[in-house]
Amino acid sequence: MMMWLIVVAFLSGSLMFSYWLGLAGNKNLKDVGDGNPGALNLWKASGYKWGILGVVLDIVKGYLPLVWMIERGYAQGYLIVPLALAPIAGHAFSPFLKGKGGKAIAVTFGVWCALTGFEVSLVYALILALLAVVNRLITKSKAKSSEEDGLQVVSGMVLLFVYLYMRMFSAAILWVWFGNLVILVYTHRLEWYSWLKRRFNIGE
């Protein structure tokens, strides 16, 4: 039973709504911006209304299956770890795109909404907003690059651990956080590599 629930959660996360909405509008998101088949590039390609719809659908696909499993008692103790990480992994490694999915940001919010009743998602959003403000003050630039976005997403997840630890969330939730961090590091690896290459003159 548990294996089937993990598969369902994974498949739910792997539904690439933003990419398909882009195709419906004759826009291939892989040819937009950084090529990420997610809601941000849908926003860029088709406007904010479609972008918001993509964000909402990506949040929902992480939220609904997990909250259903929690309410029915399937996600007790450490069983929550694979169930929570499955939709995030599904988006990052979608079989519908031959294992090449999106960056898994919106679905991450959906999962944490289900796990903590929106609490941790709101904290994560605030952390990202603060990091964006700090970055703007340091760089004195209103425009953000995909590199800066990637750095902030991963750095924000690292900082989120402080909140989880201080609020004394269970060890199982901390393992979900760790798995989520690993996936986000992977999906933003190109941004980190670009930053490290520029920062430390790697390859020059």
C-alpha atoms as a PDB file:
ATOM      1  CA  MET A   1       0.000   0.000   0.000  1.00  0.00           C
ATOM      2  CA  MET A   2       2.725   2.441   0.991  1.00  0.00           C
ATOM      3  CA  MET A   3       4.597   1.896  -2.266  1.00  0.00           C
ATOM      4  CA  TRP A   4       1.465   2.704  -4.255  1.00  0.00           C
ATOM      5  CA  LEU A   5       0.929   5.898  -2.267  1.00  0.00           C
ATOM      6  CA  ILE A   6       4.501   6.981  -3.004  1.00  0.00           C
ATOM      7  CA  VAL A   7       3.958   6.261  -6.704  1.00  0.00           C
ATOM      8  CA  VAL A   8       0.726   8.287  -6.695  1.00  0.00           C
ATOM      9  CA  ALA A   9       2.442  11.220  -4.966  1.00  0.00           C
ATOM     10  CA  PHE A  10       5.357  11.025  -7.404  1.00  0.00           C
ATOM     11  CA  LEU A  11       3.082  10.947 -10.454  1.00  0.00           C
ATOM     12  CA  SER A  12       1.055  13.841  -9.095  1.00  0.00           C
ATOM     13  CA  GLY A  13       4.222  15.900  -8.771  1.00  0.00           C
ATOM     14  CA  SER A  14       5.378  14.871 -12.229  1.00  0.00           C
ATOM     15  CA  LEU A  15       2.369  16.466 -13.955  1.00  0.00           C
ATOM     16  CA  MET A  16       3.992  19.361 -15.826  1.00  0.00           C
ATOM     17  CA  PHE A  17       1.037  21.731 -15.923  1.00  0.00           C
ATOM     18  CA  SER A  18       3.031  24.858 -16.787  1.00  0.00           C
ATOM     19  CA  TYR A  19       4.815  23.141 -19.644  1.00  0.00           C
ATOM     20  CA  TRP A  20       1.551  21.803 -21.072  1.00  0.00           C
ATOM     21  CA  LEU A  21      -0.182  25.174 -20.704  1.00  0.00           C
ATOM     22  CA  GLY A  22       2.702  26.691 -22.627  1.00  0.00           C
ATOM     23  CA  LEU A  23       2.310  24.152 -25.411  1.00  0.00           C
ATOM     24  CA  ALA A  24      -1.431  24.864 -25.507  1.00  0.00           C
ATOM     25  CA  GLY A  25      -0.501  28.471 -26.231  1.00  0.00           C
ATOM     26  CA  ASN A  26       2.057  27.456 -28.874  1.00  0.00           C
ATOM     27  CA  LYS A  27       4.957  28.250 -26.535  1.00  0.00           C
ATOM     28  CA  ASN A  28       7.671  25.700 -25.781  1.00  0.00           C
ATOM     29  CA  LEU A  29       8.981  26.694 -22.353  1.00  0.00           C
ATOM     30  CA  LYS A  30      12.243  24.902 -23.045  1.00  0.00           C
ATOM     31  CA  ASP A  31      12.977  27.717 -25.502  1.00  0.00           C
ATOM     32  CA  VAL A  32      12.138  30.463 -22.993  1.00  0.00           C
ATOM     33  CA  GLY A  33      14.604  32.029 -20.558  1.00  0.00           C
ATOM     34  CA  ASP A  34      16.710  29.354 -18.901  1.00  0.00           C
ATOM     35  CA  GLY A  35      14.668  26.570 -20.491  1.00  0.00           C
ATOM     36  CA  ASN A  36      12.977  25.549 -17.249  1.00  0.00           C
ATOM     37  CA  PRO A  37       9.525  24.038 -17.969  1.00  0.00           C
ATOM     38  CA  GLY A  38       8.020  25.713 -14.917  1.00  0.00           C
ATOM     39  CA  ALA A  39       5.611  28.479 -13.964  1.00  0.00           C
ATOM     40  CA  LEU A  40       8.156  31.328 -14.109  1.00  0.00           C
ATOM     41  CA  ASN A  41       8.903  30.701 -17.766  1.00  0.00           C
ATOM     42  CA  LEU A  42       5.186  30.263 -18.446  1.00  0.00           C
ATOM     43  CA  TRP A  43       4.759  33.722 -16.908  1.00  0.00           C
ATOM     44  CA  LYS A  44       7.469  35.100 -19.192  1.00  0.00           C
ATOM     45  CA  ALA A  45       6.086  33.401 -22.288  1.00  0.00           C
ATOM     46  CA  SER A  46       2.333  33.829 -21.846  1.00  0.00           C
ATOM     47  CA  GLY A  47       1.796  36.572 -19.256  1.00  0.00           C
ATOM     48  CA  TYR A  48       1.074  36.797 -15.557  1.00  0.00           C
ATOM     49  CA  LYS A  49      -2.413  35.237 -15.688  1.00  0.00           C
ATOM     50  CA  TRP A  50      -1.102  31.989 -17.151  1.00  0.00           C
ATOM     51  CA  GLY A  51       1.929  32.197 -14.872  1.00  0.00           C
ATOM     52  CA  ILE A  52      -0.228  32.464 -11.760  1.00  0.00           C
ATOM     53  CA  LEU A  53      -2.344  29.534 -12.964  1.00  0.00           C
ATOM     54  CA  GLY A  54       0.842  27.500 -13.420  1.00  0.00           C
ATOM     55  CA  VAL A  55       2.042  28.372  -9.903  1.00  0.00           C
ATOM     56  CA  VAL A  56      -1.319  27.436  -8.361  1.00  0.00           C
ATOM     57  CA  LEU A  57      -1.472  24.098 -10.189  1.00  0.00           C
ATOM     58  CA  ASP A  58       2.108  23.251  -9.185  1.00  0.00           C
ATOM     59  CA  ILE A  59       1.319  24.053  -5.548  1.00  0.00           C
ATOM     60  CA  VAL A  60      -1.883  22.016  -5.631  1.00  0.00           C
ATOM     61  CA  LYS A  61      -0.214  18.917  -7.082  1.00  0.00           C
ATOM     62  CA  GLY A  62       2.115  18.847  -4.070  1.00  0.00           C
ATOM     63  CA  TYR A  63      -0.556  19.792  -1.542  1.00  0.00           C
ATOM     64  CA  LEU A  64      -3.637  17.710  -2.360  1.00  0.00           C
ATOM     65  CA  PRO A  65      -2.248  14.151  -2.434  1.00  0.00           C
ATOM     66  CA  LEU A  66      -0.150  14.692   0.678  1.00  0.00           C
ATOM     67  CA  VAL A  67      -2.860  16.335   2.777  1.00  0.00           C
ATOM     68  CA  TRP A  68      -5.238  13.513   1.753  1.00  0.00           C
ATOM     69  CA  MET A  69      -2.715  10.887   2.922  1.00  0.00           C
ATOM     70  CA  ILE A  70      -2.081  12.732   6.191  1.00  0.00           C
ATOM     71  CA  GLU A  71      -5.788  13.080   6.983  1.00  0.00           C
ATOM     72  CA  ARG A  72      -6.293   9.360   6.445  1.00  0.00           C
ATOM     73  CA  GLY A  73      -3.394   8.389   8.664  1.00  0.00           C
ATOM     74  CA  TYR A  74      -1.118   6.976   5.985  1.00  0.00           C
ATOM     75  CA  ALA A  75       1.744   9.343   6.806  1.00  0.00           C
ATOM     76  CA  GLN A  76       2.571   8.422  10.383  1.00  0.00           C
ATOM     77  CA  GLY A  77       6.094   8.914  11.747  1.00  0.00           C
ATOM     78  CA  TYR A  78       8.912   8.475   9.255  1.00  0.00           C
ATOM     79  CA  LEU A  79       6.493   7.338   6.548  1.00  0.00           C
ATOM     80  CA  ILE A  80       5.919  11.032   5.926  1.00  0.00           C
ATOM     81  CA  VAL A  81       9.435  11.387   4.521  1.00  0.00           C
ATOM     82  CA  PRO A  82       9.060   9.454   1.221  1.00  0.00           C
ATOM     83  CA  LEU A  83       5.452  10.599   0.816  1.00  0.00           C
ATOM     84  CA  ALA A  84       6.406  14.272   1.156  1.00  0.00           C
ATOM     85  CA  LEU A  85       9.477  14.061  -1.047  1.00  0.00           C
ATOM     86  CA  ALA A  86       7.755  12.065  -3.808  1.00  0.00           C
ATOM     87  CA  PRO A  87       5.853  14.971  -5.450  1.00  0.00           C
ATOM     88  CA  ILE A  88       8.931  17.209  -5.278  1.00  0.00           C
ATOM     89  CA  ALA A  89      11.042  14.511  -6.901  1.00  0.00           C
ATOM     90  CA  GLY A  90       8.277  13.897  -9.429  1.00  0.00           C
ATOM     91  CA  HIS A  91       8.431  17.504 -10.596  1.00  0.00           C
ATOM     92  CA  ALA A  92      12.231  17.539 -10.693  1.00  0.00           C
ATOM     93  CA  PHE A  93      12.493  14.241 -12.583  1.00  0.00           C
ATOM     94  CA  SER A  94       9.220  14.074 -14.467  1.00  0.00           C
ATOM     95  CA  PRO A  95       8.779  10.911 -16.573  1.00  0.00           C
ATOM     96  CA  PHE A  96       6.571  13.022 -18.863  1.00  0.00           C
ATOM     97  CA  LEU A  97       9.696  14.967 -19.843  1.00  0.00           C
ATOM     98  CA  LYS A  98      12.014  11.952 -19.930  1.00  0.00           C
ATOM     99  CA  GLY A  99      13.307  12.618 -16.417  1.00  0.00           C
ATOM    100  CA  LYS A 100      14.063  16.286 -17.044  1.00  0.00           C
ATOM    101  CA  GLY A 101      11.624  18.284 -14.967  1.00  0.00           C
ATOM    102  CA  GLY A 102      11.476  21.708 -13.391  1.00  0.00           C
ATOM    103  CA  LYS A 103      13.138  23.352 -10.418  1.00  0.00           C
ATOM    104  CA  ALA A 104      10.452  22.208  -7.958  1.00  0.00           C
ATOM    105  CA  ILE A 105       9.912  25.512  -6.157  1.00  0.00           C
ATOM    106  CA  ALA A 106       6.113  25.805  -6.309  1.00  0.00           C
ATOM    107  CA  VAL A 107       5.558  22.117  -5.538  1.00  0.00           C
ATOM    108  CA  THR A 108       7.871  22.563  -2.542  1.00  0.00           C
ATOM    109  CA  PHE A 109       5.483  25.210  -1.211  1.00  0.00           C
ATOM    110  CA  GLY A 110       2.561  22.848  -1.755  1.00  0.00           C
ATOM    111  CA  VAL A 111       4.210  20.060   0.200  1.00  0.00           C
ATOM    112  CA  TRP A 112       5.079  22.290   3.151  1.00  0.00           C
ATOM    113  CA  CYS A 113       1.543  23.692   3.153  1.00  0.00           C
ATOM    114  CA  ALA A 114       0.247  20.151   3.591  1.00  0.00           C
ATOM    115  CA  LEU A 115       2.842  19.239   6.217  1.00  0.00           C
ATOM    116  CA  THR A 116       2.473  22.291   8.461  1.00  0.00           C
ATOM    117  CA  GLY A 117      -0.835  23.933   7.681  1.00  0.00           C
ATOM    118  CA  PHE A 118       0.796  26.652   5.552  1.00  0.00           C
ATOM    119  CA  GLU A 119       3.047  27.781   8.435  1.00  0.00           C
ATOM    120  CA  VAL A 120       6.440  26.767   7.050  1.00  0.00           C
ATOM    121  CA  SER A 121       5.525  27.795   3.511  1.00  0.00           C
ATOM    122  CA  LEU A 122       4.783  31.312   4.729  1.00  0.00           C
ATOM    123  CA  VAL A 123       8.062  31.428   6.652  1.00  0.00           C
ATOM    124  CA  TYR A 124       9.970  30.214   3.586  1.00  0.00           C
ATOM    125  CA  ALA A 125       8.252  32.875   1.452  1.00  0.00           C
ATOM    126  CA  LEU A 126       9.252  35.557   3.971  1.00  0.00           C
ATOM    127  CA  ILE A 127      12.848  34.318   3.990  1.00  0.00           C
ATOM    128  CA  LEU A 128      12.988  34.463   0.189  1.00  0.00           C
ATOM    129  CA  ALA A 129      11.500  37.965   0.226  1.00  0.00           C
ATOM    130  CA  LEU A 130      14.083  39.153   2.760  1.00  0.00           C
ATOM    131  CA  LEU A 131      16.918  37.614   0.749  1.00  0.00           C
ATOM    132  CA  ALA A 132      15.612  39.381  -2.366  1.00  0.00           C
ATOM    133  CA  VAL A 133      15.579  42.728  -0.523  1.00  0.00           C
ATOM    134  CA  VAL A 134      19.100  42.199   0.817  1.00  0.00           C
ATOM    135  CA  ASN A 135      20.328  41.229  -2.637  1.00  0.00           C
ATOM    136  CA  ARG A 136      18.745  44.334  -4.152  1.00  0.00           C
ATOM    137  CA  LEU A 137      20.390  46.566  -1.540  1.00  0.00           C
ATOM    138  CA  ILE A 138      23.772  44.967  -2.148  1.00  0.00           C
ATOM    139  CA  THR A 139      23.659  44.917  -5.937  1.00  0.00           C
ATOM    140  CA  LYS A 140      21.539  48.079  -6.282  1.00  0.00           C
ATOM    141  CA  SER A 141      19.743  46.405  -9.154  1.00  0.00           C
ATOM    142  CA  LYS A 142      16.006  45.778  -9.555  1.00  0.00           C
ATOM    143  CA  ALA A 143      16.471  43.007 -12.124  1.00  0.00           C
ATOM    144  CA  LYS A 144      17.280  39.512 -10.871  1.00  0.00           C
ATOM    145  CA  SER A 145      19.184  36.938 -12.859  1.00  0.00           C
ATOM    146  CA  SER A 146      18.327  33.234 -12.840  1.00  0.00           C
ATOM    147  CA  GLU A 147      21.630  32.758 -11.006  1.00  0.00           C
ATOM    148  CA  GLU A 148      20.496  35.028  -8.173  1.00  0.00           C
ATOM    149  CA  ASP A 149      17.110  33.303  -8.044  1.00  0.00           C
ATOM    150  CA  GLY A 150      18.799  29.916  -7.702  1.00  0.00           C
ATOM    151  CA  LEU A 151      21.112  31.121  -4.955  1.00  0.00           C
ATOM    152  CA  GLN A 152      18.218  32.590  -3.007  1.00  0.00           C
ATOM    153  CA  VAL A 153      16.004  29.514  -3.313  1.00  0.00           C
ATOM    154  CA  VAL A 154      18.698  27.197  -1.953  1.00  0.00           C
ATOM    155  CA  SER A 155      20.014  29.668   0.641  1.00  0.00           C
ATOM    156  CA  GLY A 156      16.451  30.255   1.825  1.00  0.00           C
ATOM    157  CA  MET A 157      15.923  26.523   2.286  1.00  0.00           C
ATOM    158  CA  VAL A 158      19.142  26.308   4.313  1.00  0.00           C
ATOM    159  CA  LEU A 159      17.959  29.174   6.546  1.00  0.00           C
ATOM    160  CA  LEU A 160      14.573  27.497   6.932  1.00  0.00           C
ATOM    161  CA  PHE A 161      16.282  24.786   8.972  1.00  0.00           C
ATOM    162  CA  VAL A 162      16.881  27.330  11.761  1.00  0.00           C
ATOM    163  CA  TYR A 163      13.150  27.936  12.025  1.00  0.00           C
ATOM    164  CA  LEU A 164      12.299  24.242  11.929  1.00  0.00           C
ATOM    165  CA  TYR A 165      14.868  23.520  14.629  1.00  0.00           C
ATOM    166  CA  MET A 166      13.730  26.375  16.870  1.00  0.00           C
ATOM    167  CA  ARG A 167      10.090  25.309  16.525  1.00  0.00           C
ATOM    168  CA  MET A 168      11.165  21.790  17.480  1.00  0.00           C
ATOM    169  CA  PHE A 169       9.627  20.012  14.526  1.00  0.00           C
ATOM    170  CA  SER A 170      10.004  16.237  14.545  1.00  0.00           C
ATOM    171  CA  ALA A 171      13.043  14.417  13.208  1.00  0.00           C
ATOM    172  CA  ALA A 172      10.896  13.089  10.353  1.00  0.00           C
ATOM    173  CA  ILE A 173      10.082  16.647   9.243  1.00  0.00           C
ATOM    174  CA  LEU A 174      13.773  17.545   9.413  1.00  0.00           C
ATOM    175  CA  TRP A 175      14.516  14.615   7.108  1.00  0.00           C
ATOM    176  CA  VAL A 176      11.894  15.950   4.693  1.00  0.00           C
ATOM    177  CA  TRP A 177      13.680  19.297   4.839  1.00  0.00           C
ATOM    178  CA  PHE A 178      17.031  17.628   4.103  1.00  0.00           C
ATOM    179  CA  GLY A 179      15.667  15.694   1.129  1.00  0.00           C
ATOM    180  CA  ASN A 180      13.973  18.838  -0.171  1.00  0.00           C
ATOM    181  CA  LEU A 181      17.255  20.734   0.123  1.00  0.00           C
ATOM    182  CA  VAL A 182      19.134  18.045  -1.811  1.00  0.00           C
ATOM    183  CA  ILE A 183      16.590  18.171  -4.642  1.00  0.00           C
ATOM    184  CA  LEU A 184      16.683  21.982  -4.802  1.00  0.00           C
ATOM    185  CA  VAL A 185      20.481  21.973  -4.854  1.00  0.00           C
ATOM    186  CA  TYR A 186      20.329  19.572  -7.784  1.00  0.00           C
ATOM    187  CA  THR A 187      17.687  21.482  -9.740  1.00  0.00           C
ATOM    188  CA  HIS A 188      19.643  24.725  -9.237  1.00  0.00           C
ATOM    189  CA  ARG A 189      23.062  23.204  -9.801  1.00  0.00           C
ATOM    190  CA  LEU A 190      23.722  25.228 -12.959  1.00  0.00           C
ATOM    191  CA  GLU A 191      23.066  28.507 -11.139  1.00  0.00           C
ATOM    192  CA  TRP A 192      25.403  27.490  -8.323  1.00  0.00           C
ATOM    193  CA  TYR A 193      28.082  26.400 -10.763  1.00  0.00           C
ATOM    194  CA  SER A 194      27.777  29.705 -12.637  1.00  0.00           C
ATOM    195  CA  TRP A 195      28.116  31.647  -9.384  1.00  0.00           C
ATOM    196  CA  LEU A 196      31.093  29.596  -8.186  1.00  0.00           C
ATOM    197  CA  LYS A 197      32.762  29.913 -11.584  1.00  0.00           C
ATOM    198  CA  ARG A 198      32.371  33.686 -11.533  1.00  0.00           C
ATOM    199  CA  ARG A 199      33.207  34.057  -7.834  1.00  0.00           C
ATOM    200  CA  PHE A 200      36.348  31.923  -7.838  1.00  0.00           C
ATOM    201  CA  ASN A 201      37.355  32.202 -11.506  1.00  0.00           C
ATOM    202  CA  ILE A 202      36.895  28.482 -12.045  1.00  0.00           C
ATOM    203  CA  GLY A 203      37.952  27.373 -15.499  1.00  0.00           C
ATOM    204  CA  GLU A 204      39.751  30.615 -16.304  1.00  0.00           C
END
